[in-house]
């Protein structure tokens, strides 16, 4: 439908507010079109109107229960309202339709972190590498990934993966890594290197050659 396409085009160009009018018109002209309701829901989400987005996604699903993205985006709308158990259920329902949908796997992992289900969250977080456009990519180290096992006599390279906030949060676990018995190398962006003072690791500036290591981990 042209009105749906016009609304989706406005969203893709970063103007969610401009998407509302054509998408409302689409739902008025074709109230039985699931894609129109889903498009309206995504525009409302981008504007932070999560309760309205939830209602739109539910309308889409009433029309087409197998609409994968409407079900996954319902999970996002519920999570934004801090309704974490309902959000997780919506993501699981989406994955029942398509178990290999990486973005839904990643969003479920984020929800599991918020719920405190650490085992499921860490397992699901590995799907982030399969999400198109994910802001970081695997470094492709030849060394094996450290799994937390004792590592006396080994050299463990810990490296920042995502933003400063995640890196700062993970630095608290350096003493546990040091307890493995490994020699620790800590690769950080230059702006964070001063924080390495006093930590049980040898600092390495991001982008500079790293000393040889036998295993790696991300922080």
N, C-alpha and C. Protein backbone atom coordinates (compact mmCIF):
# COMPACT_ATOMS: atom_id res chain seq x y z
N UNK A 1 0.85 -1.20 0.00
CA UNK A 1 0.00 0.00 0.00
C UNK A 1 0.88 1.25 0.00
N UNK A 2 0.59 2.24 -0.83
CA UNK A 2 1.45 3.43 -0.92
C UNK A 2 1.59 4.18 0.40
N UNK A 3 0.50 4.26 1.19
CA UNK A 3 0.60 4.99 2.46
C UNK A 3 1.58 4.30 3.42
N UNK A 4 1.56 2.98 3.44
CA UNK A 4 2.51 2.24 4.28
C UNK A 4 3.93 2.50 3.81
N UNK A 5 4.15 2.41 2.50
CA UNK A 5 5.49 2.64 1.97
C UNK A 5 5.99 4.04 2.27
N UNK A 6 5.09 5.02 2.20
CA UNK A 6 5.49 6.39 2.51
C UNK A 6 5.89 6.53 3.97
N UNK A 7 5.14 5.89 4.85
CA UNK A 7 5.48 5.93 6.27
C UNK A 7 6.79 5.24 6.58
N UNK A 8 7.01 4.09 5.96
CA UNK A 8 8.26 3.37 6.19
C UNK A 8 9.45 4.14 5.64
N UNK A 9 9.26 4.81 4.51
CA UNK A 9 10.34 5.63 3.95
C UNK A 9 10.71 6.75 4.91
N UNK A 10 9.72 7.38 5.51
CA UNK A 10 10.01 8.45 6.48
C UNK A 10 10.78 7.91 7.67
N UNK A 11 10.44 6.72 8.12
CA UNK A 11 11.18 6.11 9.23
C UNK A 11 12.63 5.85 8.84
N UNK A 12 12.83 5.32 7.65
CA UNK A 12 14.19 4.98 7.22
C UNK A 12 15.07 6.22 7.07
N UNK A 13 14.46 7.36 6.78
CA UNK A 13 15.22 8.60 6.65
C UNK A 13 15.33 9.33 7.98
N UNK A 14 14.89 8.69 9.07
CA UNK A 14 15.08 9.24 10.40
C UNK A 14 14.00 10.19 10.87
N UNK A 15 12.86 10.25 10.20
CA UNK A 15 11.80 11.17 10.59
C UNK A 15 10.56 10.38 10.98
N UNK A 16 10.59 9.82 12.20
CA UNK A 16 9.47 9.00 12.66
C UNK A 16 8.20 9.82 12.81
N UNK A 17 8.34 11.10 13.18
CA UNK A 17 7.15 11.93 13.34
C UNK A 17 6.42 12.09 12.02
N UNK A 18 7.18 12.26 10.93
CA UNK A 18 6.55 12.41 9.62
C UNK A 18 5.91 11.11 9.16
N UNK A 19 6.32 9.98 9.74
CA UNK A 19 5.75 8.69 9.35
C UNK A 19 4.34 8.50 9.88
N UNK A 20 3.99 9.21 10.94
CA UNK A 20 2.71 8.93 11.60
C UNK A 20 1.51 9.21 10.71
N UNK A 21 1.51 10.36 10.04
CA UNK A 21 0.32 10.72 9.25
C UNK A 21 0.02 9.69 8.16
N UNK A 22 0.99 9.31 7.32
CA UNK A 22 0.67 8.31 6.30
C UNK A 22 0.30 6.94 6.88
N UNK A 23 0.91 6.58 8.01
CA UNK A 23 0.60 5.28 8.59
C UNK A 23 -0.78 5.29 9.25
N UNK A 24 -1.15 6.38 9.87
CA UNK A 24 -2.53 6.49 10.38
C UNK A 24 -3.53 6.42 9.22
N UNK A 25 -3.19 7.06 8.11
CA UNK A 25 -4.06 7.01 6.95
C UNK A 25 -4.16 5.58 6.41
N UNK A 26 -3.04 4.86 6.44
CA UNK A 26 -3.05 3.46 5.98
C UNK A 26 -3.97 2.61 6.84
N UNK A 27 -3.89 2.80 8.17
CA UNK A 27 -4.75 1.99 9.05
C UNK A 27 -6.22 2.41 8.92
N UNK A 28 -6.48 3.67 8.55
CA UNK A 28 -7.87 4.10 8.34
C UNK A 28 -8.44 3.49 7.07
N UNK A 29 -7.64 3.51 6.01
CA UNK A 29 -8.11 3.01 4.72
C UNK A 29 -8.15 1.49 4.67
N UNK A 30 -7.22 0.86 5.37
CA UNK A 30 -7.13 -0.61 5.33
C UNK A 30 -6.94 -1.14 6.75
N UNK A 31 -7.98 -1.07 7.57
CA UNK A 31 -7.83 -1.51 8.97
C UNK A 31 -7.50 -2.99 9.12
N UNK A 32 -7.64 -3.75 8.06
CA UNK A 32 -7.29 -5.17 8.11
C UNK A 32 -5.90 -5.48 7.62
N UNK A 33 -5.08 -4.45 7.41
CA UNK A 33 -3.70 -4.64 6.91
C UNK A 33 -2.74 -4.71 8.09
N UNK A 34 -2.22 -5.88 8.36
CA UNK A 34 -1.31 -6.05 9.49
C UNK A 34 -0.06 -5.21 9.35
N UNK A 35 0.47 -5.09 8.14
CA UNK A 35 1.71 -4.35 7.93
C UNK A 35 1.53 -2.86 8.24
N UNK A 36 0.34 -2.33 7.98
CA UNK A 36 0.08 -0.93 8.32
C UNK A 36 0.15 -0.72 9.82
N UNK A 37 -0.45 -1.61 10.59
CA UNK A 37 -0.41 -1.49 12.04
C UNK A 37 0.99 -1.69 12.58
N UNK A 38 1.73 -2.64 11.99
CA UNK A 38 3.10 -2.85 12.42
C UNK A 38 3.96 -1.62 12.14
N UNK A 39 3.81 -1.04 10.95
CA UNK A 39 4.55 0.17 10.62
C UNK A 39 4.24 1.30 11.57
N UNK A 40 2.96 1.46 11.91
CA UNK A 40 2.57 2.49 12.88
C UNK A 40 3.21 2.21 14.23
N UNK A 41 3.23 0.94 14.63
CA UNK A 41 3.85 0.59 15.91
C UNK A 41 5.32 0.94 15.96
N UNK A 42 6.05 0.65 14.89
CA UNK A 42 7.49 0.96 14.90
C UNK A 42 7.72 2.47 14.94
N UNK A 43 6.90 3.25 14.24
CA UNK A 43 7.05 4.70 14.29
C UNK A 43 6.78 5.22 15.70
N UNK A 44 5.76 4.71 16.34
CA UNK A 44 5.44 5.14 17.71
C UNK A 44 6.58 4.76 18.67
N UNK A 45 7.17 3.59 18.46
CA UNK A 45 8.31 3.20 19.31
C UNK A 45 9.47 4.18 19.17
N UNK A 46 9.76 4.55 17.94
CA UNK A 46 10.87 5.48 17.71
C UNK A 46 10.62 6.82 18.38
N UNK A 47 9.38 7.14 18.61
CA UNK A 47 9.02 8.40 19.27
C UNK A 47 8.85 8.24 20.78
N UNK A 48 9.12 7.04 21.29
CA UNK A 48 9.01 6.80 22.73
C UNK A 48 7.59 6.63 23.22
N UNK A 49 6.66 6.42 22.34
CA UNK A 49 5.25 6.25 22.72
C UNK A 49 4.95 4.75 22.78
N UNK A 50 5.53 4.11 23.81
CA UNK A 50 5.59 2.65 23.82
C UNK A 50 4.25 2.00 24.11
N UNK A 51 3.40 2.63 24.92
CA UNK A 51 2.09 2.06 25.16
C UNK A 51 1.25 2.02 23.89
N UNK A 52 1.30 3.10 23.11
CA UNK A 52 0.59 3.14 21.85
C UNK A 52 1.20 2.16 20.85
N UNK A 53 2.52 2.04 20.88
CA UNK A 53 3.19 1.09 19.99
C UNK A 53 2.74 -0.33 20.31
N UNK A 54 2.67 -0.64 21.60
CA UNK A 54 2.21 -1.97 22.01
C UNK A 54 0.83 -2.27 21.42
N UNK A 55 -0.08 -1.29 21.53
CA UNK A 55 -1.44 -1.50 21.03
C UNK A 55 -1.44 -1.73 19.52
N UNK A 56 -0.61 -0.98 18.79
CA UNK A 56 -0.54 -1.14 17.34
C UNK A 56 0.00 -2.52 16.96
N UNK A 57 1.04 -2.95 17.66
CA UNK A 57 1.60 -4.27 17.36
C UNK A 57 0.59 -5.38 17.68
N UNK A 58 -0.18 -5.19 18.75
CA UNK A 58 -1.18 -6.20 19.08
C UNK A 58 -2.28 -6.24 18.00
N UNK A 59 -2.61 -5.09 17.43
CA UNK A 59 -3.58 -5.08 16.33
C UNK A 59 -3.02 -5.85 15.14
N UNK A 60 -1.73 -5.63 14.85
CA UNK A 60 -1.10 -6.34 13.73
C UNK A 60 -1.14 -7.85 13.97
N UNK A 61 -0.87 -8.26 15.20
CA UNK A 61 -0.82 -9.69 15.49
C UNK A 61 -2.21 -10.32 15.52
N UNK A 62 -3.21 -9.54 15.88
CA UNK A 62 -4.57 -10.07 15.81
C UNK A 62 -4.96 -10.38 14.36
N UNK A 63 -4.40 -9.59 13.45
CA UNK A 63 -4.67 -9.81 12.03
C UNK A 63 -3.78 -10.89 11.42
N UNK A 64 -2.55 -10.96 11.92
CA UNK A 64 -1.58 -11.93 11.37
C UNK A 64 -0.71 -12.45 12.52
N UNK A 65 -1.13 -13.52 13.20
CA UNK A 65 -0.38 -14.03 14.35
C UNK A 65 1.04 -14.48 14.02
N UNK A 66 1.34 -14.70 12.74
CA UNK A 66 2.67 -15.14 12.35
C UNK A 66 3.54 -13.99 11.82
N UNK A 67 3.17 -12.78 12.16
CA UNK A 67 3.97 -11.60 11.74
C UNK A 67 5.17 -11.51 12.68
N UNK A 68 6.29 -12.01 12.22
CA UNK A 68 7.48 -12.13 13.05
C UNK A 68 7.90 -10.78 13.65
N UNK A 69 8.03 -9.76 12.82
CA UNK A 69 8.56 -8.49 13.30
C UNK A 69 7.59 -7.79 14.24
N UNK A 70 6.29 -7.94 14.01
CA UNK A 70 5.32 -7.36 14.94
C UNK A 70 5.46 -8.01 16.32
N UNK A 71 5.68 -9.33 16.32
CA UNK A 71 5.83 -10.02 17.60
C UNK A 71 7.13 -9.62 18.28
N UNK A 72 8.22 -9.51 17.51
CA UNK A 72 9.49 -9.11 18.10
C UNK A 72 9.44 -7.66 18.60
N UNK A 73 8.80 -6.79 17.82
CA UNK A 73 8.71 -5.39 18.24
C UNK A 73 7.74 -5.20 19.38
N UNK A 74 6.77 -6.08 19.52
CA UNK A 74 5.95 -6.07 20.72
C UNK A 74 6.83 -6.29 21.94
N UNK A 75 7.80 -7.21 21.81
CA UNK A 75 8.74 -7.43 22.91
C UNK A 75 9.50 -6.17 23.27
N UNK A 76 9.93 -5.42 22.26
CA UNK A 76 10.66 -4.18 22.52
C UNK A 76 9.78 -3.15 23.21
N UNK A 77 8.53 -3.04 22.78
CA UNK A 77 7.61 -2.09 23.41
C UNK A 77 7.34 -2.46 24.86
N UNK A 78 7.21 -3.74 25.13
CA UNK A 78 6.98 -4.19 26.51
C UNK A 78 8.22 -3.97 27.37
N UNK A 79 9.40 -4.25 26.81
CA UNK A 79 10.63 -4.03 27.58
C UNK A 79 10.81 -2.56 27.92
N UNK A 80 10.46 -1.68 26.99
CA UNK A 80 10.58 -0.25 27.25
C UNK A 80 9.67 0.20 28.38
N UNK A 81 8.61 -0.57 28.63
CA UNK A 81 7.71 -0.28 29.75
C UNK A 81 8.09 -1.06 31.01
N UNK A 82 9.26 -1.70 30.96
CA UNK A 82 9.79 -2.48 32.09
C UNK A 82 8.90 -3.68 32.43
N UNK A 83 8.20 -4.19 31.46
CA UNK A 83 7.38 -5.40 31.63
C UNK A 83 8.20 -6.58 31.06
N UNK A 84 9.21 -6.95 31.84
CA UNK A 84 10.26 -7.81 31.32
C UNK A 84 9.79 -9.24 31.06
N UNK A 85 8.97 -9.79 31.93
CA UNK A 85 8.50 -11.16 31.72
C UNK A 85 7.63 -11.24 30.47
N UNK A 86 6.77 -10.24 30.26
CA UNK A 86 5.95 -10.21 29.06
C UNK A 86 6.81 -10.02 27.82
N UNK A 87 7.84 -9.18 27.94
CA UNK A 87 8.74 -8.96 26.80
C UNK A 87 9.44 -10.26 26.42
N UNK A 88 9.95 -10.98 27.43
CA UNK A 88 10.63 -12.25 27.15
C UNK A 88 9.68 -13.23 26.47
N UNK A 89 8.43 -13.27 26.94
CA UNK A 89 7.45 -14.18 26.32
C UNK A 89 7.20 -13.81 24.87
N UNK A 90 7.15 -12.50 24.57
CA UNK A 90 6.94 -12.07 23.19
C UNK A 90 8.13 -12.47 22.32
N UNK A 91 9.34 -12.32 22.83
CA UNK A 91 10.51 -12.72 22.05
C UNK A 91 10.53 -14.22 21.82
N UNK A 92 10.19 -15.00 22.84
CA UNK A 92 10.16 -16.45 22.65
C UNK A 92 9.11 -16.84 21.60
N UNK A 93 7.99 -16.14 21.61
CA UNK A 93 6.96 -16.43 20.61
C UNK A 93 7.46 -16.09 19.20
N UNK A 94 8.22 -15.00 19.08
CA UNK A 94 8.80 -14.66 17.78
C UNK A 94 9.80 -15.72 17.34
N UNK A 95 10.61 -16.20 18.28
CA UNK A 95 11.62 -17.20 17.93
C UNK A 95 10.99 -18.55 17.60
N UNK A 96 9.80 -18.80 18.12
CA UNK A 96 9.09 -20.02 17.72
C UNK A 96 8.75 -19.98 16.23
N UNK A 97 8.59 -18.76 15.70
CA UNK A 97 8.32 -18.60 14.27
C UNK A 97 9.60 -18.70 13.45
N UNK A 98 10.70 -18.16 14.01
CA UNK A 98 11.97 -18.18 13.29
C UNK A 98 13.12 -18.24 14.29
N UNK A 99 13.57 -19.43 14.64
CA UNK A 99 14.59 -19.57 15.69
C UNK A 99 15.92 -18.90 15.37
N UNK A 100 16.24 -18.66 14.10
CA UNK A 100 17.54 -18.10 13.75
C UNK A 100 17.49 -16.59 13.54
N UNK A 101 16.45 -15.92 14.02
CA UNK A 101 16.36 -14.47 13.84
C UNK A 101 17.29 -13.78 14.84
N UNK A 102 18.44 -13.34 14.34
CA UNK A 102 19.52 -12.89 15.23
C UNK A 102 19.13 -11.68 16.06
N UNK A 103 18.44 -10.72 15.47
CA UNK A 103 18.11 -9.51 16.22
C UNK A 103 17.17 -9.82 17.38
N UNK A 104 16.24 -10.75 17.17
CA UNK A 104 15.36 -11.14 18.26
C UNK A 104 16.13 -11.89 19.33
N UNK A 105 17.06 -12.74 18.93
CA UNK A 105 17.91 -13.44 19.91
C UNK A 105 18.68 -12.43 20.77
N UNK A 106 19.22 -11.40 20.11
CA UNK A 106 19.98 -10.38 20.83
C UNK A 106 19.07 -9.59 21.77
N UNK A 107 17.89 -9.21 21.31
CA UNK A 107 16.97 -8.46 22.16
C UNK A 107 16.48 -9.30 23.34
N UNK A 108 16.30 -10.58 23.12
CA UNK A 108 15.95 -11.46 24.23
C UNK A 108 17.10 -11.51 25.24
N UNK A 109 18.34 -11.56 24.75
CA UNK A 109 19.48 -11.58 25.66
C UNK A 109 19.52 -10.31 26.51
N UNK A 110 19.28 -9.16 25.91
CA UNK A 110 19.26 -7.91 26.68
C UNK A 110 18.17 -7.97 27.75
N UNK A 111 17.01 -8.51 27.38
CA UNK A 111 15.92 -8.65 28.35
C UNK A 111 16.30 -9.61 29.46
N UNK A 112 16.98 -10.71 29.10
CA UNK A 112 17.42 -11.66 30.12
C UNK A 112 18.44 -11.04 31.07
N UNK A 113 19.31 -10.18 30.56
CA UNK A 113 20.23 -9.46 31.46
C UNK A 113 19.42 -8.64 32.47
N UNK A 114 18.43 -7.93 31.98
CA UNK A 114 17.62 -7.08 32.86
C UNK A 114 16.83 -7.92 33.87
N UNK A 115 16.45 -9.13 33.46
CA UNK A 115 15.71 -10.03 34.36
C UNK A 115 16.63 -10.73 35.34
N UNK A 116 17.94 -10.69 35.11
CA UNK A 116 18.87 -11.38 35.98
C UNK A 116 19.07 -12.84 35.63
N UNK A 117 18.64 -13.25 34.44
CA UNK A 117 18.86 -14.63 33.99
C UNK A 117 20.19 -14.66 33.25
N UNK A 118 21.28 -14.70 34.02
CA UNK A 118 22.61 -14.50 33.46
C UNK A 118 23.01 -15.59 32.49
N UNK A 119 22.71 -16.85 32.81
CA UNK A 119 23.14 -17.95 31.93
C UNK A 119 22.50 -17.81 30.55
N UNK A 120 21.19 -17.57 30.51
CA UNK A 120 20.51 -17.40 29.22
C UNK A 120 20.99 -16.14 28.52
N UNK A 121 21.23 -15.08 29.30
CA UNK A 121 21.64 -13.80 28.70
C UNK A 121 23.00 -13.92 28.02
N UNK A 122 23.98 -14.51 28.70
CA UNK A 122 25.32 -14.61 28.10
C UNK A 122 25.31 -15.52 26.88
N UNK A 123 24.53 -16.58 26.94
CA UNK A 123 24.44 -17.47 25.77
C UNK A 123 23.80 -16.73 24.59
N UNK A 124 22.71 -16.03 24.86
CA UNK A 124 22.02 -15.31 23.80
C UNK A 124 22.83 -14.16 23.24
N UNK A 125 23.68 -13.55 24.07
CA UNK A 125 24.46 -12.39 23.62
C UNK A 125 25.41 -12.73 22.49
N UNK A 126 25.78 -13.99 22.35
CA UNK A 126 26.68 -14.38 21.26
C UNK A 126 26.03 -14.18 19.89
N UNK A 127 24.71 -14.05 19.87
CA UNK A 127 24.02 -13.81 18.60
C UNK A 127 24.24 -12.41 18.08
N UNK A 128 24.79 -11.50 18.89
CA UNK A 128 24.97 -10.11 18.44
C UNK A 128 25.82 -10.04 17.17
N UNK A 129 26.76 -10.97 17.03
CA UNK A 129 27.64 -10.93 15.86
C UNK A 129 26.88 -11.18 14.56
N UNK A 130 25.70 -11.79 14.65
CA UNK A 130 24.93 -12.09 13.45
C UNK A 130 23.91 -11.00 13.12
N UNK A 131 23.80 -9.98 13.98
CA UNK A 131 22.83 -8.91 13.74
C UNK A 131 23.38 -7.97 12.67
N UNK A 132 22.69 -7.80 11.56
CA UNK A 132 23.18 -6.88 10.52
C UNK A 132 23.37 -5.47 11.09
N UNK A 133 24.53 -4.88 10.80
CA UNK A 133 24.78 -3.52 11.25
C UNK A 133 25.17 -3.40 12.71
N UNK A 134 25.41 -4.51 13.41
CA UNK A 134 25.82 -4.40 14.82
C UNK A 134 27.12 -3.59 14.88
N UNK A 135 27.23 -2.66 15.86
CA UNK A 135 28.32 -1.68 15.81
C UNK A 135 29.72 -2.24 15.99
N UNK A 136 29.87 -3.42 16.54
CA UNK A 136 31.20 -4.01 16.64
C UNK A 136 31.20 -5.36 15.94
N UNK A 137 32.37 -5.81 15.56
CA UNK A 137 32.52 -7.09 14.87
C UNK A 137 33.59 -7.91 15.59
N UNK A 138 33.57 -9.23 15.45
CA UNK A 138 34.60 -10.06 16.08
C UNK A 138 35.99 -9.66 15.61
N UNK A 139 36.96 -9.71 16.51
CA UNK A 139 38.32 -9.31 16.18
C UNK A 139 39.06 -10.38 15.38
N UNK A 140 38.59 -11.61 15.43
CA UNK A 140 39.23 -12.66 14.64
C UNK A 140 40.56 -13.13 15.20
N UNK A 141 40.69 -13.13 16.52
CA UNK A 141 41.93 -13.62 17.14
C UNK A 141 42.11 -15.11 16.86
N UNK A 142 43.35 -15.50 16.64
CA UNK A 142 43.64 -16.92 16.48
C UNK A 142 43.63 -17.64 17.83
N UNK A 143 43.91 -16.89 18.91
CA UNK A 143 43.94 -17.50 20.23
C UNK A 143 42.53 -17.90 20.68
N UNK A 144 42.42 -18.95 21.46
CA UNK A 144 41.09 -19.37 21.94
C UNK A 144 40.51 -18.35 22.91
N UNK A 145 39.19 -18.36 23.02
CA UNK A 145 38.49 -17.49 23.95
C UNK A 145 38.53 -18.11 25.34
N UNK A 146 38.99 -17.33 26.30
CA UNK A 146 39.07 -17.81 27.68
C UNK A 146 37.65 -18.02 28.22
N UNK A 147 37.42 -19.16 28.89
CA UNK A 147 36.10 -19.51 29.40
C UNK A 147 36.02 -19.44 30.91
N UNK A 148 37.02 -18.82 31.55
CA UNK A 148 36.99 -18.68 33.00
C UNK A 148 37.72 -19.76 33.75
N UNK A 149 38.37 -20.66 33.02
CA UNK A 149 39.07 -21.77 33.66
C UNK A 149 40.40 -21.30 34.26
N UNK A 150 40.97 -22.04 35.22
CA UNK A 150 42.30 -21.69 35.72
C UNK A 150 43.30 -21.63 34.57
N UNK A 151 44.20 -20.62 34.62
CA UNK A 151 45.11 -20.41 33.49
C UNK A 151 46.52 -20.06 33.95
N UNK A 152 47.06 -20.78 34.92
CA UNK A 152 48.43 -20.45 35.36
C UNK A 152 49.42 -20.64 34.21
N UNK A 153 50.35 -19.71 34.08
CA UNK A 153 51.36 -19.78 33.05
C UNK A 153 50.90 -19.28 31.69
N UNK A 154 49.63 -18.89 31.56
CA UNK A 154 49.13 -18.38 30.29
C UNK A 154 49.07 -16.86 30.32
N UNK A 155 48.99 -16.26 29.16
CA UNK A 155 48.85 -14.81 29.04
C UNK A 155 47.50 -14.51 28.43
N UNK A 156 46.67 -13.79 29.17
CA UNK A 156 45.30 -13.52 28.78
C UNK A 156 45.18 -12.07 28.33
N UNK A 157 44.76 -11.86 27.08
CA UNK A 157 44.52 -10.52 26.55
C UNK A 157 43.05 -10.18 26.73
N UNK A 158 42.78 -9.20 27.57
CA UNK A 158 41.43 -8.68 27.77
C UNK A 158 41.30 -7.41 26.93
N UNK A 159 40.26 -7.33 26.11
CA UNK A 159 40.14 -6.17 25.24
C UNK A 159 38.73 -5.60 25.27
N UNK A 160 38.65 -4.28 25.15
CA UNK A 160 37.35 -3.61 25.11
C UNK A 160 36.63 -4.00 23.83
N UNK A 161 35.32 -4.21 23.95
CA UNK A 161 34.55 -4.61 22.76
C UNK A 161 33.56 -3.54 22.33
N UNK A 162 32.81 -2.99 23.28
CA UNK A 162 31.75 -2.07 22.90
C UNK A 162 32.05 -0.68 23.49
N UNK A 163 31.08 -0.03 24.09
CA UNK A 163 31.27 1.35 24.53
C UNK A 163 32.02 1.47 25.85
N UNK A 164 32.31 2.72 26.21
CA UNK A 164 33.02 2.98 27.46
C UNK A 164 32.24 2.44 28.66
N UNK A 165 30.92 2.60 28.64
CA UNK A 165 30.13 2.17 29.79
C UNK A 165 30.27 0.69 30.06
N UNK A 166 30.15 -0.13 29.01
CA UNK A 166 30.29 -1.57 29.19
C UNK A 166 31.69 -1.92 29.67
N UNK A 167 32.70 -1.25 29.12
CA UNK A 167 34.08 -1.53 29.52
C UNK A 167 34.28 -1.19 30.99
N UNK A 168 33.81 -0.03 31.42
CA UNK A 168 33.96 0.36 32.82
C UNK A 168 33.26 -0.63 33.74
N UNK A 169 32.10 -1.11 33.33
CA UNK A 169 31.37 -2.07 34.14
C UNK A 169 32.16 -3.37 34.29
N UNK A 170 32.80 -3.80 33.20
CA UNK A 170 33.49 -5.08 33.22
C UNK A 170 34.83 -5.02 33.95
N UNK A 171 35.41 -3.83 34.11
CA UNK A 171 36.70 -3.74 34.79
C UNK A 171 36.63 -4.24 36.22
N UNK A 172 35.45 -4.21 36.81
CA UNK A 172 35.32 -4.66 38.20
C UNK A 172 35.67 -6.14 38.36
N UNK A 173 35.63 -6.87 37.23
CA UNK A 173 35.87 -8.31 37.31
C UNK A 173 37.34 -8.69 37.08
N UNK A 174 38.21 -7.69 36.94
CA UNK A 174 39.63 -8.00 36.73
C UNK A 174 40.23 -8.85 37.86
N UNK A 175 39.90 -8.57 39.13
CA UNK A 175 40.47 -9.44 40.18
C UNK A 175 40.11 -10.91 40.00
N UNK A 176 38.89 -11.20 39.55
CA UNK A 176 38.52 -12.59 39.31
C UNK A 176 39.33 -13.18 38.16
N UNK A 177 39.56 -12.37 37.12
CA UNK A 177 40.39 -12.86 36.02
C UNK A 177 41.82 -13.11 36.51
N UNK A 178 42.32 -12.22 37.35
CA UNK A 178 43.68 -12.39 37.88
C UNK A 178 43.78 -13.65 38.73
N UNK A 179 42.69 -14.01 39.38
CA UNK A 179 42.70 -15.20 40.23
C UNK A 179 42.88 -16.48 39.42
N UNK A 180 42.73 -16.40 38.11
CA UNK A 180 42.95 -17.58 37.27
C UNK A 180 44.41 -17.97 37.22
N UNK A 181 45.30 -17.05 37.64
CA UNK A 181 46.73 -17.32 37.59
C UNK A 181 47.39 -16.85 36.32
N UNK A 182 46.61 -16.31 35.39
CA UNK A 182 47.18 -15.86 34.11
C UNK A 182 47.83 -14.48 34.27
N UNK A 183 48.79 -14.21 33.43
CA UNK A 183 49.29 -12.85 33.26
C UNK A 183 48.27 -12.10 32.42
N UNK A 184 47.82 -10.93 32.88
CA UNK A 184 46.76 -10.20 32.21
C UNK A 184 47.30 -9.02 31.42
N UNK A 185 46.88 -8.94 30.16
CA UNK A 185 47.10 -7.75 29.32
C UNK A 185 45.74 -7.09 29.14
N UNK A 186 45.67 -5.78 29.38
CA UNK A 186 44.40 -5.07 29.30
C UNK A 186 44.47 -4.02 28.20
N UNK A 187 43.80 -4.30 27.07
CA UNK A 187 43.78 -3.38 25.94
C UNK A 187 42.57 -2.46 26.07
N UNK A 188 42.85 -1.13 26.12
CA UNK A 188 41.79 -0.15 26.31
C UNK A 188 41.95 1.01 25.32
N UNK A 189 40.85 1.71 25.01
CA UNK A 189 40.99 2.98 24.27
C UNK A 189 41.87 3.94 25.07
N UNK A 190 42.59 4.79 24.36
CA UNK A 190 43.55 5.68 25.02
C UNK A 190 42.91 6.48 26.15
N UNK A 191 41.66 6.92 25.96
CA UNK A 191 41.01 7.75 26.97
C UNK A 191 40.78 7.01 28.28
N UNK A 192 40.75 5.68 28.24
CA UNK A 192 40.50 4.90 29.46
C UNK A 192 41.78 4.37 30.09
N UNK A 193 42.91 4.53 29.44
CA UNK A 193 44.15 3.96 29.96
C UNK A 193 44.48 4.42 31.38
N UNK A 194 44.23 5.70 31.75
CA UNK A 194 44.55 6.09 33.13
C UNK A 194 43.82 5.26 34.18
N UNK A 195 42.68 4.68 33.81
CA UNK A 195 41.94 3.86 34.78
C UNK A 195 42.62 2.54 35.06
N UNK A 196 43.59 2.17 34.22
CA UNK A 196 44.28 0.90 34.42
C UNK A 196 45.27 0.96 35.57
N UNK A 197 45.60 2.17 36.03
CA UNK A 197 46.56 2.29 37.13
C UNK A 197 46.02 1.57 38.37
N UNK A 198 46.84 0.72 38.92
CA UNK A 198 46.44 -0.01 40.11
C UNK A 198 45.67 -1.29 39.85
N UNK A 199 45.31 -1.54 38.61
CA UNK A 199 44.61 -2.78 38.30
C UNK A 199 45.63 -3.91 38.07
N UNK A 200 45.25 -5.15 38.33
CA UNK A 200 46.19 -6.27 38.20
C UNK A 200 46.38 -6.71 36.75
N UNK A 201 46.74 -5.76 35.88
CA UNK A 201 46.91 -6.07 34.47
C UNK A 201 47.88 -5.06 33.86
N UNK A 202 48.54 -5.49 32.77
CA UNK A 202 49.44 -4.61 32.05
C UNK A 202 48.65 -3.86 30.98
N UNK A 203 48.60 -2.51 31.01
CA UNK A 203 47.81 -1.77 30.04
C UNK A 203 48.42 -1.79 28.65
N UNK A 204 47.56 -1.86 27.65
CA UNK A 204 47.95 -1.81 26.25
C UNK A 204 47.01 -0.83 25.56
N UNK A 205 47.54 0.13 24.82
CA UNK A 205 46.69 1.09 24.11
C UNK A 205 46.03 0.41 22.92
N UNK A 206 44.74 0.65 22.77
CA UNK A 206 44.02 0.11 21.62
C UNK A 206 44.65 0.61 20.32
N UNK A 207 44.88 -0.30 19.40
CA UNK A 207 45.48 0.04 18.13
C UNK A 207 46.97 -0.14 18.08
N UNK A 208 47.61 -0.34 19.23
CA UNK A 208 49.06 -0.58 19.24
C UNK A 208 49.32 -2.08 19.23
N UNK A 209 50.50 -2.50 18.82
CA UNK A 209 50.80 -3.94 18.82
C UNK A 209 50.69 -4.52 20.23
N UNK A 210 50.03 -5.65 20.34
CA UNK A 210 49.89 -6.29 21.65
C UNK A 210 50.99 -7.31 21.86
N UNK A 211 51.48 -7.44 23.09
CA UNK A 211 52.42 -8.54 23.37
C UNK A 211 51.76 -9.89 23.08
N UNK A 212 52.53 -10.91 22.83
CA UNK A 212 51.95 -12.21 22.54
C UNK A 212 51.06 -12.70 23.69
N UNK A 213 49.95 -13.34 23.34
CA UNK A 213 49.05 -13.89 24.34
C UNK A 213 48.64 -15.29 23.91
N UNK A 214 48.10 -16.06 24.88
CA UNK A 214 47.70 -17.42 24.57
C UNK A 214 46.18 -17.60 24.59
N UNK A 215 45.44 -16.62 25.12
CA UNK A 215 43.99 -16.66 25.09
C UNK A 215 43.46 -15.23 25.20
N UNK A 216 42.18 -15.04 24.88
CA UNK A 216 41.59 -13.71 24.88
C UNK A 216 40.26 -13.72 25.61
N UNK A 217 39.82 -12.52 26.00
CA UNK A 217 38.47 -12.32 26.57
C UNK A 217 38.08 -10.90 26.29
N UNK A 218 36.76 -10.64 26.31
CA UNK A 218 36.26 -9.31 25.99
C UNK A 218 35.79 -8.60 27.26
N UNK A 219 35.98 -7.28 27.29
CA UNK A 219 35.48 -6.52 28.44
C UNK A 219 34.81 -5.24 27.95
